[in-house]
Amino acid sequence: LFVGGHPLAGKELSGFENADARLFENARYALTPLAPDHPADGRVKAFSQLLEALGARPFLCDASAHDRAVAYLSHLPQLLSTGLASLIAEQSAEDFLPLELAASGFRDVTRLAESPYALWRDICLTNIENIQSALELLIEKLQAVKL
């Protein structure tokens, strides 16, 4: 029995020194069973109970719904954060933009940009169609507010 899973918890920093025993606490953990009868399987129930014991909140959904949702809720924010951090770095080098003026909003929005590039490159390549759709819709929204 294979049940796909995605812990919707993480940090922008990796490595043992950044480990967090409470990482799954109150975090969603998507489970994507391959067949409609899998959620009734005792092994799936046991795994869900294990996740709950770790503090996670299991959520059953099909893989395509998961992939579309995370394109908007996880991948798009990552790309926005990385893009903004890259833009600011370029502008700072080019125009001597005073980064001392960056405050909590900038830090909050760019925190994800610290995530490992190789990890996110691979994630994006595995969900490219959903991410492209999300980006197109976001670009439409940005065009609408462009002054």
C-alpha atoms as a PDB file:
ATOM      1  CA  LEU A   1       0.000   0.000   0.000  1.00  0.00           C
ATOM      2  CA  PHE A   2       1.360   3.400  -0.952  1.00  0.00           C
ATOM      3  CA  VAL A   3      -0.132   6.576   0.436  1.00  0.00           C
ATOM      4  CA  GLY A   4       1.441   9.785  -0.735  1.00  0.00           C
ATOM      5  CA  GLY A   5       2.012  12.327   1.960  1.00  0.00           C
ATOM      6  CA  HIS A   6       3.096  15.923   2.276  1.00  0.00           C
ATOM      7  CA  PRO A   7       3.800  17.502   5.634  1.00  0.00           C
ATOM      8  CA  LEU A   8       2.756  21.123   5.268  1.00  0.00           C
ATOM      9  CA  ALA A   9       5.337  22.221   7.744  1.00  0.00           C
ATOM     10  CA  GLY A  10       8.835  23.329   7.219  1.00  0.00           C
ATOM     11  CA  LYS A  11      11.375  26.002   7.693  1.00  0.00           C
ATOM     12  CA  GLU A  12      13.486  28.006   5.356  1.00  0.00           C
ATOM     13  CA  LEU A  13      16.579  26.699   7.141  1.00  0.00           C
ATOM     14  CA  SER A  14      17.791  23.118   6.968  1.00  0.00           C
ATOM     15  CA  GLY A  15      20.262  20.979   8.831  1.00  0.00           C
ATOM     16  CA  PHE A  16      20.438  19.344  12.222  1.00  0.00           C
ATOM     17  CA  GLU A  17      21.147  22.635  13.970  1.00  0.00           C
ATOM     18  CA  ASN A  18      17.768  23.930  12.763  1.00  0.00           C
ATOM     19  CA  ALA A  19      15.763  20.862  13.814  1.00  0.00           C
ATOM     20  CA  ASP A  20      12.510  21.563  15.622  1.00  0.00           C
ATOM     21  CA  ALA A  21      10.808  18.866  17.700  1.00  0.00           C
ATOM     22  CA  ARG A  22       7.530  20.769  17.367  1.00  0.00           C
ATOM     23  CA  LEU A  23       7.685  21.142  13.580  1.00  0.00           C
ATOM     24  CA  PHE A  24       4.477  19.180  12.979  1.00  0.00           C
ATOM     25  CA  GLU A  25       2.606  20.743  15.882  1.00  0.00           C
ATOM     26  CA  ASN A  26      -0.805  21.825  14.561  1.00  0.00           C
ATOM     27  CA  ALA A  27       0.444  21.531  10.959  1.00  0.00           C
ATOM     28  CA  ARG A  28      -1.576  19.974   8.173  1.00  0.00           C
ATOM     29  CA  TYR A  29      -0.243  16.752   6.709  1.00  0.00           C
ATOM     30  CA  ALA A  30      -1.796  15.968   3.340  1.00  0.00           C
ATOM     31  CA  LEU A  31      -2.385  12.301   2.640  1.00  0.00           C
ATOM     32  CA  THR A  32      -3.149  11.347  -0.937  1.00  0.00           C
ATOM     33  CA  PRO A  33      -4.302   7.723  -1.088  1.00  0.00           C
ATOM     34  CA  LEU A  34      -4.081   6.150  -4.529  1.00  0.00           C
ATOM     35  CA  ALA A  35      -7.431   4.375  -4.383  1.00  0.00           C
ATOM     36  CA  PRO A  36     -10.832   5.361  -2.975  1.00  0.00           C
ATOM     37  CA  ASP A  37     -10.791   2.444  -0.525  1.00  0.00           C
ATOM     38  CA  HIS A  38      -7.371   3.274   0.940  1.00  0.00           C
ATOM     39  CA  PRO A  39      -8.663   5.711   3.604  1.00  0.00           C
ATOM     40  CA  ALA A  40     -10.571   2.798   5.156  1.00  0.00           C
ATOM     41  CA  ASP A  41      -7.413   0.667   5.253  1.00  0.00           C
ATOM     42  CA  GLY A  42      -6.183   0.084   8.793  1.00  0.00           C
ATOM     43  CA  ARG A  43      -2.633   1.036   7.823  1.00  0.00           C
ATOM     44  CA  VAL A  44      -3.777   4.455   6.611  1.00  0.00           C
ATOM     45  CA  LYS A  45      -5.730   4.942   9.819  1.00  0.00           C
ATOM     46  CA  ALA A  46      -2.704   3.879  11.883  1.00  0.00           C
ATOM     47  CA  PHE A  47      -0.460   6.294   9.991  1.00  0.00           C
ATOM     48  CA  SER A  48      -2.986   9.089  10.522  1.00  0.00           C
ATOM     49  CA  GLN A  49      -2.985   8.322  14.237  1.00  0.00           C
ATOM     50  CA  LEU A  50       0.820   8.442  14.300  1.00  0.00           C
ATOM     51  CA  LEU A  51       0.731  11.840  12.608  1.00  0.00           C
ATOM     52  CA  GLU A  52      -1.793  13.063  15.155  1.00  0.00           C
ATOM     53  CA  ALA A  53       0.462  11.823  17.961  1.00  0.00           C
ATOM     54  CA  LEU A  54       3.215  14.003  16.471  1.00  0.00           C
ATOM     55  CA  GLY A  55       0.848  16.961  16.613  1.00  0.00           C
ATOM     56  CA  ALA A  56      -0.015  17.045  12.913  1.00  0.00           C
ATOM     57  CA  ARG A  57      -3.526  17.322  11.492  1.00  0.00           C
ATOM     58  CA  PRO A  58      -3.943  14.765   8.676  1.00  0.00           C
ATOM     59  CA  PHE A  59      -5.978  15.861   5.669  1.00  0.00           C
ATOM     60  CA  LEU A  60      -7.114  13.396   2.998  1.00  0.00           C
ATOM     61  CA  CYS A  61      -7.339  14.627  -0.584  1.00  0.00           C
ATOM     62  CA  ASP A  62      -6.597  13.367  -4.046  1.00  0.00           C
ATOM     63  CA  ALA A  63      -3.206  14.091  -5.570  1.00  0.00           C
ATOM     64  CA  SER A  64      -4.443  16.504  -8.237  1.00  0.00           C
ATOM     65  CA  ALA A  65      -6.330  18.625  -5.687  1.00  0.00           C
ATOM     66  CA  HIS A  66      -3.215  18.648  -3.506  1.00  0.00           C
ATOM     67  CA  ASP A  67      -0.962  19.705  -6.379  1.00  0.00           C
ATOM     68  CA  ARG A  68      -3.254  22.545  -7.427  1.00  0.00           C
ATOM     69  CA  ALA A  69      -3.656  23.779  -3.856  1.00  0.00           C
ATOM     70  CA  VAL A  70       0.049  23.794  -3.032  1.00  0.00           C
ATOM     71  CA  ALA A  71       0.818  25.618  -6.278  1.00  0.00           C
ATOM     72  CA  TYR A  72      -1.164  28.560  -4.898  1.00  0.00           C
ATOM     73  CA  LEU A  73      -0.569  28.167  -1.168  1.00  0.00           C
ATOM     74  CA  SER A  74       3.074  27.083  -1.056  1.00  0.00           C
ATOM     75  CA  HIS A  75       4.881  27.284  -4.378  1.00  0.00           C
ATOM     76  CA  LEU A  76       3.609  30.703  -5.455  1.00  0.00           C
ATOM     77  CA  PRO A  77       4.584  32.355  -2.136  1.00  0.00           C
ATOM     78  CA  GLN A  78       8.029  30.760  -2.441  1.00  0.00           C
ATOM     79  CA  LEU A  79       8.485  32.119  -5.957  1.00  0.00           C
ATOM     80  CA  LEU A  80       7.278  35.568  -4.920  1.00  0.00           C
ATOM     81  CA  SER A  81       9.666  35.648  -1.984  1.00  0.00           C
ATOM     82  CA  THR A  82      12.609  34.521  -4.084  1.00  0.00           C
ATOM     83  CA  GLY A  83      11.750  36.921  -6.896  1.00  0.00           C
ATOM     84  CA  LEU A  84      11.419  39.896  -4.565  1.00  0.00           C
ATOM     85  CA  ALA A  85      14.664  39.083  -2.751  1.00  0.00           C
ATOM     86  CA  SER A  86      16.453  38.790  -6.091  1.00  0.00           C
ATOM     87  CA  LEU A  87      15.002  42.084  -7.330  1.00  0.00           C
ATOM     88  CA  ILE A  88      16.020  43.905  -4.156  1.00  0.00           C
ATOM     89  CA  ALA A  89      19.525  42.439  -4.301  1.00  0.00           C
ATOM     90  CA  GLU A  90      19.894  43.616  -7.906  1.00  0.00           C
ATOM     91  CA  GLN A  91      18.508  47.076  -7.159  1.00  0.00           C
ATOM     92  CA  SER A  92      20.650  47.417  -4.064  1.00  0.00           C
ATOM     93  CA  ALA A  93      23.802  46.620  -6.006  1.00  0.00           C
ATOM     94  CA  GLU A  94      22.776  48.821  -8.927  1.00  0.00           C
ATOM     95  CA  ASP A  95      21.305  51.861  -7.161  1.00  0.00           C
ATOM     96  CA  PHE A  96      22.754  51.544  -3.665  1.00  0.00           C
ATOM     97  CA  LEU A  97      19.261  50.980  -2.320  1.00  0.00           C
ATOM     98  CA  PRO A  98      19.521  51.541   1.441  1.00  0.00           C
ATOM     99  CA  LEU A  99      18.602  48.139   2.876  1.00  0.00           C
ATOM    100  CA  GLU A 100      18.696  49.696   6.328  1.00  0.00           C
ATOM    101  CA  LEU A 101      15.170  50.894   5.548  1.00  0.00           C
ATOM    102  CA  ALA A 102      13.874  47.331   5.242  1.00  0.00           C
ATOM    103  CA  ALA A 103      11.560  46.523   8.127  1.00  0.00           C
ATOM    104  CA  SER A 104       9.446  43.615   9.328  1.00  0.00           C
ATOM    105  CA  GLY A 105       7.228  43.490   6.225  1.00  0.00           C
ATOM    106  CA  PHE A 106      10.217  42.968   3.974  1.00  0.00           C
ATOM    107  CA  ARG A 107      11.690  40.354   6.307  1.00  0.00           C
ATOM    108  CA  ASP A 108       8.358  38.521   6.505  1.00  0.00           C
ATOM    109  CA  VAL A 109       7.889  38.454   2.741  1.00  0.00           C
ATOM    110  CA  THR A 110      11.454  37.435   1.902  1.00  0.00           C
ATOM    111  CA  ARG A 111      11.990  34.838   4.651  1.00  0.00           C
ATOM    112  CA  LEU A 112      11.158  32.000   2.268  1.00  0.00           C
ATOM    113  CA  ALA A 113      13.870  33.138  -0.130  1.00  0.00           C
ATOM    114  CA  GLU A 114      16.385  31.609   2.285  1.00  0.00           C
ATOM    115  CA  SER A 115      15.091  28.139   1.369  1.00  0.00           C
ATOM    116  CA  PRO A 116      17.454  25.881  -0.589  1.00  0.00           C
ATOM    117  CA  TYR A 117      17.276  26.701  -4.295  1.00  0.00           C
ATOM    118  CA  ALA A 118      17.830  23.108  -5.461  1.00  0.00           C
ATOM    119  CA  LEU A 119      14.933  21.863  -3.360  1.00  0.00           C
ATOM    120  CA  TRP A 120      12.541  24.442  -4.775  1.00  0.00           C
ATOM    121  CA  ARG A 121      13.782  24.005  -8.331  1.00  0.00           C
ATOM    122  CA  ASP A 122      12.882  20.322  -8.118  1.00  0.00           C
ATOM    123  CA  ILE A 123       9.527  21.014  -6.457  1.00  0.00           C
ATOM    124  CA  CYS A 124       8.618  23.511  -9.155  1.00  0.00           C
ATOM    125  CA  LEU A 125       9.587  21.129 -11.932  1.00  0.00           C
ATOM    126  CA  THR A 126       7.246  18.474 -10.533  1.00  0.00           C
ATOM    127  CA  ASN A 127       4.233  20.815 -10.427  1.00  0.00           C
ATOM    128  CA  ILE A 128       4.976  23.115 -13.334  1.00  0.00           C
ATOM    129  CA  GLU A 129       1.511  23.203 -14.929  1.00  0.00           C
ATOM    130  CA  ASN A 130      -0.268  24.204 -11.731  1.00  0.00           C
ATOM    131  CA  ILE A 131       2.414  26.758 -10.901  1.00  0.00           C
ATOM    132  CA  GLN A 132       2.232  28.294 -14.374  1.00  0.00           C
ATOM    133  CA  SER A 133      -1.546  28.651 -14.050  1.00  0.00           C
ATOM    134  CA  ALA A 134      -1.161  30.281 -10.636  1.00  0.00           C
ATOM    135  CA  LEU A 135       1.517  32.651 -11.941  1.00  0.00           C
ATOM    136  CA  GLU A 136      -0.627  33.663 -14.913  1.00  0.00           C
ATOM    137  CA  LEU A 137      -3.539  34.533 -12.646  1.00  0.00           C
ATOM    138  CA  LEU A 138      -1.283  36.440 -10.266  1.00  0.00           C
ATOM    139  CA  ILE A 139       0.211  38.406 -13.156  1.00  0.00           C
ATOM    140  CA  GLU A 140      -3.334  39.334 -14.211  1.00  0.00           C
ATOM    141  CA  LYS A 141      -4.003  40.603 -10.674  1.00  0.00           C
ATOM    142  CA  LEU A 142      -0.764  42.591 -10.661  1.00  0.00           C
ATOM    143  CA  GLN A 143      -1.572  44.076 -14.067  1.00  0.00           C
ATOM    144  CA  ALA A 144      -4.963  45.159 -12.726  1.00  0.00           C
ATOM    145  CA  VAL A 145      -3.387  47.100  -9.845  1.00  0.00           C
ATOM    146  CA  LYS A 146      -0.517  48.504 -11.887  1.00  0.00           C
ATOM    147  CA  LEU A 147      -0.696  52.285 -11.875  1.00  0.00           C
END
